[in-house]
Protein backbone atom coordinates (compact mmCIF):
# COMPACT_ATOMS: atom_id res chain seq x y z
CA UNK A 1 -19.22 8.30 -37.35
CA UNK A 2 -17.56 10.27 -40.13
CA UNK A 3 -18.63 13.87 -40.53
CA UNK A 4 -19.28 15.08 -44.05
CA UNK A 5 -18.07 18.40 -45.39
CA UNK A 6 -21.70 19.55 -45.61
CA UNK A 7 -22.25 18.84 -41.91
CA UNK A 8 -19.03 20.64 -41.02
CA UNK A 9 -20.08 23.64 -43.12
CA UNK A 10 -23.48 23.67 -41.38
CA UNK A 11 -21.77 23.70 -37.97
CA UNK A 12 -19.44 26.51 -39.06
CA UNK A 13 -22.44 28.53 -40.25
CA UNK A 14 -24.34 27.87 -37.00
CA UNK A 15 -21.38 29.08 -34.92
CA UNK A 16 -20.90 32.17 -37.13
CA UNK A 17 -24.60 33.03 -36.81
CA UNK A 18 -24.40 32.58 -33.02
CA UNK A 19 -21.34 34.84 -32.89
CA UNK A 20 -23.18 37.50 -34.90
CA UNK A 21 -26.20 37.33 -32.59
CA UNK A 22 -24.09 37.54 -29.43
CA UNK A 23 -22.14 40.52 -30.71
CA UNK A 24 -25.30 42.49 -31.53
CA UNK A 25 -27.03 44.59 -28.91
CA UNK A 26 -30.71 43.73 -28.54
CA UNK A 27 -32.91 46.25 -30.32
CA UNK A 28 -30.19 47.49 -32.68
CA UNK A 29 -31.25 45.28 -35.62
CA UNK A 30 -34.25 47.06 -37.14
CA UNK A 31 -36.18 44.20 -38.82
CA UNK A 32 -36.03 42.00 -35.69
CA UNK A 33 -36.15 43.91 -32.38
CA UNK A 34 -35.58 40.70 -30.36
CA UNK A 35 -32.30 39.94 -32.20
CA UNK A 36 -29.13 40.20 -30.11
CA UNK A 37 -28.10 40.10 -26.47
CA UNK A 38 -30.00 42.18 -23.93
CA UNK A 39 -27.84 43.83 -21.29
CA UNK A 40 -24.53 44.09 -19.53
CA UNK A 41 -24.44 41.04 -17.22
CA UNK A 42 -23.30 41.40 -13.63
CA UNK A 43 -21.74 37.92 -13.39
CA UNK A 44 -20.99 34.73 -15.32
CA UNK A 45 -24.33 33.12 -14.52
CA UNK A 46 -26.26 36.09 -15.87
CA UNK A 47 -24.00 36.20 -18.95
CA UNK A 48 -24.81 32.54 -19.69
CA UNK A 49 -28.54 33.19 -19.22
CA UNK A 50 -28.52 36.26 -21.48
CA UNK A 51 -26.55 34.38 -24.14
CA UNK A 52 -28.97 31.47 -23.97
CA UNK A 53 -31.93 33.83 -24.32
CA UNK A 54 -30.30 35.56 -27.30
CA UNK A 55 -29.66 32.18 -28.97
CA UNK A 56 -33.18 30.78 -28.50
CA UNK A 57 -33.74 31.05 -32.26
CA UNK A 58 -30.33 29.58 -33.16
CA UNK A 59 -31.34 26.01 -33.88
CA UNK A 60 -28.98 23.47 -32.32
CA UNK A 61 -26.56 25.93 -30.67
CA UNK A 62 -26.44 25.88 -26.88
CA UNK A 63 -24.54 27.80 -24.20
CA UNK A 64 -22.26 25.57 -22.15
CA UNK A 65 -20.50 28.15 -19.99
CA UNK A 66 -19.57 31.79 -19.51
CA UNK A 67 -16.30 33.09 -18.14
CA UNK A 68 -15.65 36.68 -17.08
CA UNK A 69 -12.58 38.25 -18.60
CA UNK A 70 -11.21 41.77 -18.07
CA UNK A 71 -13.57 43.68 -20.41
CA UNK A 72 -15.61 40.84 -21.88
CA UNK A 73 -17.20 37.47 -21.33
CA UNK A 74 -16.02 34.31 -23.02
CA UNK A 75 -19.10 32.25 -23.94
CA UNK A 76 -18.61 28.55 -24.70
CA UNK A 77 -21.08 27.21 -27.25
CA UNK A 78 -21.90 23.64 -28.28
CA UNK A 79 -23.45 22.46 -31.56
CA UNK A 80 -23.54 18.80 -32.61
CA UNK A 81 -21.00 17.89 -29.95
CA UNK A 82 -18.51 20.52 -31.16
CA UNK A 83 -17.40 23.30 -28.85
CA UNK A 84 -16.38 26.86 -29.74
CA UNK A 85 -15.96 30.08 -27.80
CA UNK A 86 -17.18 33.60 -28.54
CA UNK A 87 -15.99 36.74 -26.78
CA UNK A 88 -18.63 39.37 -26.03
CA UNK A 89 -17.62 42.88 -25.05
CA UNK A 90 -20.01 45.14 -23.17
């Protein structure tokens, strides 16, 4: 199956929106108090759960994994079979 430029642009936009959500602290975006990620996770499992909760409104973007780094978590996201990573600092 050949992917069109429009589909690729939609995926890029979905990943950018997910990155924006994950790099916003929950409650800091005035019009939508539920926007953003909630807390500082204690481990990779909790980071994946918090990321998934934050992305519940991001249509078609799912959390595949979370990896603890020195001062951040690397979150692996999937949309339409494509994989990207986002770093979240707490």
